[in-house]
């Protein structure tokens, strides 16, 4: 049986995740959640950054994005994006802001009272 024909143009540009992360599977810090906000510093030099890190920087210079959004825009797995983010945080190119911990969220009773008050006014 003849193996299926492969389109030679299909594999062009394909880079394995371990190449993008220099063989690392985990970031230098484990503080990135899917909703962690990423903000780039425009005053940092981009020389010496890999193409993926440059794309990440260009993407985040437009404003804060979540880790999940960055992953989607770059079309890279979240685990790869987390490794790249760890490197960029270590070098001072980006800052991140963690999501609000659940302990700081308002209680459901307070939200219900606000909703009831709004309904009473309307």
C-alpha atoms as a PDB file:
ATOM      1  CA  UNK A   1       0.000   0.000   0.000  1.00  0.00           C
ATOM      2  CA  UNK A   2       1.303   3.442  -0.909  1.00  0.00           C
ATOM      3  CA  UNK A   3       1.648   5.943   1.973  1.00  0.00           C
ATOM      4  CA  UNK A   4      -0.467   9.098   1.667  1.00  0.00           C
ATOM      5  CA  UNK A   5       1.175  11.951  -0.196  1.00  0.00           C
ATOM      6  CA  UNK A   6       2.259  14.861   1.909  1.00  0.00           C
ATOM      7  CA  UNK A   7       2.024  18.435   0.817  1.00  0.00           C
ATOM      8  CA  UNK A   8       5.603  19.807   1.008  1.00  0.00           C
ATOM      9  CA  UNK A   9       4.305  23.346   1.625  1.00  0.00           C
ATOM     10  CA  UNK A  10       2.333  22.198   4.629  1.00  0.00           C
ATOM     11  CA  UNK A  11       5.388  21.518   6.804  1.00  0.00           C
ATOM     12  CA  UNK A  12       7.179  24.705   5.839  1.00  0.00           C
ATOM     13  CA  UNK A  13       7.597  26.980   8.849  1.00  0.00           C
ATOM     14  CA  UNK A  14       6.725  24.248  11.349  1.00  0.00           C
ATOM     15  CA  UNK A  15       8.864  24.552  14.470  1.00  0.00           C
ATOM     16  CA  UNK A  16       8.630  22.095  17.325  1.00  0.00           C
ATOM     17  CA  UNK A  17       7.734  23.569  20.744  1.00  0.00           C
ATOM     18  CA  UNK A  18      10.968  22.347  22.344  1.00  0.00           C
ATOM     19  CA  UNK A  19      12.927  24.373  19.806  1.00  0.00           C
ATOM     20  CA  UNK A  20      11.000  27.536  20.686  1.00  0.00           C
ATOM     21  CA  UNK A  21      11.631  27.029  24.420  1.00  0.00           C
ATOM     22  CA  UNK A  22      15.275  25.914  24.082  1.00  0.00           C
ATOM     23  CA  UNK A  23      14.308  22.423  25.235  1.00  0.00           C
ATOM     24  CA  UNK A  24      12.628  23.550  28.450  1.00  0.00           C
ATOM     25  CA  UNK A  25       9.191  22.248  29.426  1.00  0.00           C
ATOM     26  CA  UNK A  26       8.547  24.524  32.404  1.00  0.00           C
ATOM     27  CA  UNK A  27       8.850  28.290  32.942  1.00  0.00           C
ATOM     28  CA  UNK A  28      11.359  29.765  35.382  1.00  0.00           C
ATOM     29  CA  UNK A  29       8.436  30.817  37.543  1.00  0.00           C
ATOM     30  CA  UNK A  30       5.108  29.065  38.000  1.00  0.00           C
ATOM     31  CA  UNK A  31       2.917  32.119  38.535  1.00  0.00           C
ATOM     32  CA  UNK A  32       1.132  32.312  35.195  1.00  0.00           C
ATOM     33  CA  UNK A  33      -2.554  31.476  35.077  1.00  0.00           C
ATOM     34  CA  UNK A  34      -4.650  31.534  31.911  1.00  0.00           C
ATOM     35  CA  UNK A  35      -6.118  34.885  32.982  1.00  0.00           C
ATOM     36  CA  UNK A  36      -2.840  36.485  34.116  1.00  0.00           C
ATOM     37  CA  UNK A  37      -2.486  39.821  32.332  1.00  0.00           C
ATOM     38  CA  UNK A  38       0.678  40.481  30.323  1.00  0.00           C
ATOM     39  CA  UNK A  39       2.003  44.006  29.623  1.00  0.00           C
ATOM     40  CA  UNK A  40       5.117  44.774  27.565  1.00  0.00           C
ATOM     41  CA  UNK A  41       7.616  47.558  28.226  1.00  0.00           C
ATOM     42  CA  UNK A  42       8.332  49.472  25.026  1.00  0.00           C
ATOM     43  CA  UNK A  43      11.570  50.968  26.313  1.00  0.00           C
ATOM     44  CA  UNK A  44      13.458  47.642  26.429  1.00  0.00           C
ATOM     45  CA  UNK A  45      15.746  46.678  23.517  1.00  0.00           C
ATOM     46  CA  UNK A  46      14.494  43.779  21.408  1.00  0.00           C
ATOM     47  CA  UNK A  47      17.923  42.771  20.126  1.00  0.00           C
ATOM     48  CA  UNK A  48      18.836  39.212  20.969  1.00  0.00           C
ATOM     49  CA  UNK A  49      15.241  38.036  21.386  1.00  0.00           C
ATOM     50  CA  UNK A  50      13.987  35.016  19.471  1.00  0.00           C
ATOM     51  CA  UNK A  51      11.362  35.596  16.759  1.00  0.00           C
ATOM     52  CA  UNK A  52       8.626  34.198  19.025  1.00  0.00           C
ATOM     53  CA  UNK A  53       9.591  36.508  21.871  1.00  0.00           C
ATOM     54  CA  UNK A  54       9.614  39.465  19.476  1.00  0.00           C
ATOM     55  CA  UNK A  55       6.136  38.531  18.247  1.00  0.00           C
ATOM     56  CA  UNK A  56       4.977  38.277  21.858  1.00  0.00           C
ATOM     57  CA  UNK A  57       6.431  41.707  22.630  1.00  0.00           C
ATOM     58  CA  UNK A  58       4.820  43.285  19.542  1.00  0.00           C
ATOM     59  CA  UNK A  59       1.489  41.761  20.490  1.00  0.00           C
ATOM     60  CA  UNK A  60       1.583  42.986  24.101  1.00  0.00           C
ATOM     61  CA  UNK A  61       2.765  46.513  23.279  1.00  0.00           C
ATOM     62  CA  UNK A  62      -0.798  47.272  22.165  1.00  0.00           C
ATOM     63  CA  UNK A  63      -2.149  46.766  25.687  1.00  0.00           C
ATOM     64  CA  UNK A  64      -2.657  44.143  28.351  1.00  0.00           C
ATOM     65  CA  UNK A  65      -3.598  40.660  27.186  1.00  0.00           C
ATOM     66  CA  UNK A  66      -4.226  37.468  29.119  1.00  0.00           C
ATOM     67  CA  UNK A  67      -1.939  34.464  28.771  1.00  0.00           C
ATOM     68  CA  UNK A  68      -4.747  32.625  26.959  1.00  0.00           C
ATOM     69  CA  UNK A  69      -5.150  35.491  24.468  1.00  0.00           C
ATOM     70  CA  UNK A  70      -1.417  35.639  23.816  1.00  0.00           C
ATOM     71  CA  UNK A  71      -1.385  31.898  23.200  1.00  0.00           C
ATOM     72  CA  UNK A  72      -4.288  32.173  20.768  1.00  0.00           C
ATOM     73  CA  UNK A  73      -2.844  35.112  18.834  1.00  0.00           C
ATOM     74  CA  UNK A  74       0.580  33.489  18.534  1.00  0.00           C
ATOM     75  CA  UNK A  75      -0.952  30.073  17.762  1.00  0.00           C
ATOM     76  CA  UNK A  76       1.382  28.444  20.292  1.00  0.00           C
ATOM     77  CA  UNK A  77       0.490  26.045  23.122  1.00  0.00           C
ATOM     78  CA  UNK A  78      -0.088  27.716  26.493  1.00  0.00           C
ATOM     79  CA  UNK A  79       2.802  25.767  28.011  1.00  0.00           C
ATOM     80  CA  UNK A  80       5.193  27.223  25.413  1.00  0.00           C
ATOM     81  CA  UNK A  81       3.857  30.744  25.977  1.00  0.00           C
ATOM     82  CA  UNK A  82       4.392  30.366  29.727  1.00  0.00           C
ATOM     83  CA  UNK A  83       8.060  29.465  29.184  1.00  0.00           C
ATOM     84  CA  UNK A  84       8.518  32.481  26.892  1.00  0.00           C
ATOM     85  CA  UNK A  85       6.747  34.737  29.397  1.00  0.00           C
ATOM     86  CA  UNK A  86       8.987  33.541  32.211  1.00  0.00           C
ATOM     87  CA  UNK A  87      12.061  34.448  30.183  1.00  0.00           C
ATOM     88  CA  UNK A  88      10.670  37.880  29.298  1.00  0.00           C
ATOM     89  CA  UNK A  89       9.711  38.631  32.909  1.00  0.00           C
ATOM     90  CA  UNK A  90      13.213  37.628  34.026  1.00  0.00           C
ATOM     91  CA  UNK A  91      14.773  39.965  31.448  1.00  0.00           C
ATOM     92  CA  UNK A  92      12.453  42.851  32.396  1.00  0.00           C
ATOM     93  CA  UNK A  93      10.720  43.059  29.011  1.00  0.00           C
ATOM     94  CA  UNK A  94       7.240  42.418  30.386  1.00  0.00           C
ATOM     95  CA  UNK A  95       5.312  42.587  33.623  1.00  0.00           C
ATOM     96  CA  UNK A  96       2.373  40.460  34.611  1.00  0.00           C
ATOM     97  CA  UNK A  97      -0.562  40.973  36.913  1.00  0.00           C
ATOM     98  CA  UNK A  98      -2.187  37.990  38.543  1.00  0.00           C
ATOM     99  CA  UNK A  99      -5.960  37.666  38.633  1.00  0.00           C
ATOM    100  CA  UNK A 100      -7.843  38.768  41.734  1.00  0.00           C
ATOM    101  CA  UNK A 101      -7.769  35.953  44.303  1.00  0.00           C
ATOM    102  CA  UNK A 102     -11.165  34.508  45.102  1.00  0.00           C
ATOM    103  CA  UNK A 103     -10.817  35.612  48.735  1.00  0.00           C
ATOM    104  CA  UNK A 104     -11.003  39.273  47.606  1.00  0.00           C
ATOM    105  CA  UNK A 105     -14.125  38.877  45.502  1.00  0.00           C
ATOM    106  CA  UNK A 106     -17.353  40.270  47.003  1.00  0.00           C
ATOM    107  CA  UNK A 107     -19.688  37.838  48.688  1.00  0.00           C
ATOM    108  CA  UNK A 108     -22.763  36.601  46.862  1.00  0.00           C
ATOM    109  CA  UNK A 109     -25.053  38.156  49.507  1.00  0.00           C
ATOM    110  CA  UNK A 110     -23.621  41.627  48.872  1.00  0.00           C
ATOM    111  CA  UNK A 111     -24.048  41.225  45.128  1.00  0.00           C
ATOM    112  CA  UNK A 112     -27.643  40.074  45.624  1.00  0.00           C
ATOM    113  CA  UNK A 113     -28.391  43.160  47.767  1.00  0.00           C
ATOM    114  CA  UNK A 114     -26.950  45.431  45.068  1.00  0.00           C
ATOM    115  CA  UNK A 115     -29.045  43.671  42.430  1.00  0.00           C
ATOM    116  CA  UNK A 116     -32.184  43.988  44.573  1.00  0.00           C
ATOM    117  CA  UNK A 117     -31.483  47.690  45.098  1.00  0.00           C
ATOM    118  CA  UNK A 118     -31.058  48.277  41.386  1.00  0.00           C
ATOM    119  CA  UNK A 119     -34.273  46.415  40.595  1.00  0.00           C
ATOM    120  CA  UNK A 120     -36.150  48.507  43.197  1.00  0.00           C
ATOM    121  CA  UNK A 121     -35.037  51.734  41.519  1.00  0.00           C
ATOM    122  CA  UNK A 122     -36.114  50.605  38.062  1.00  0.00           C
END
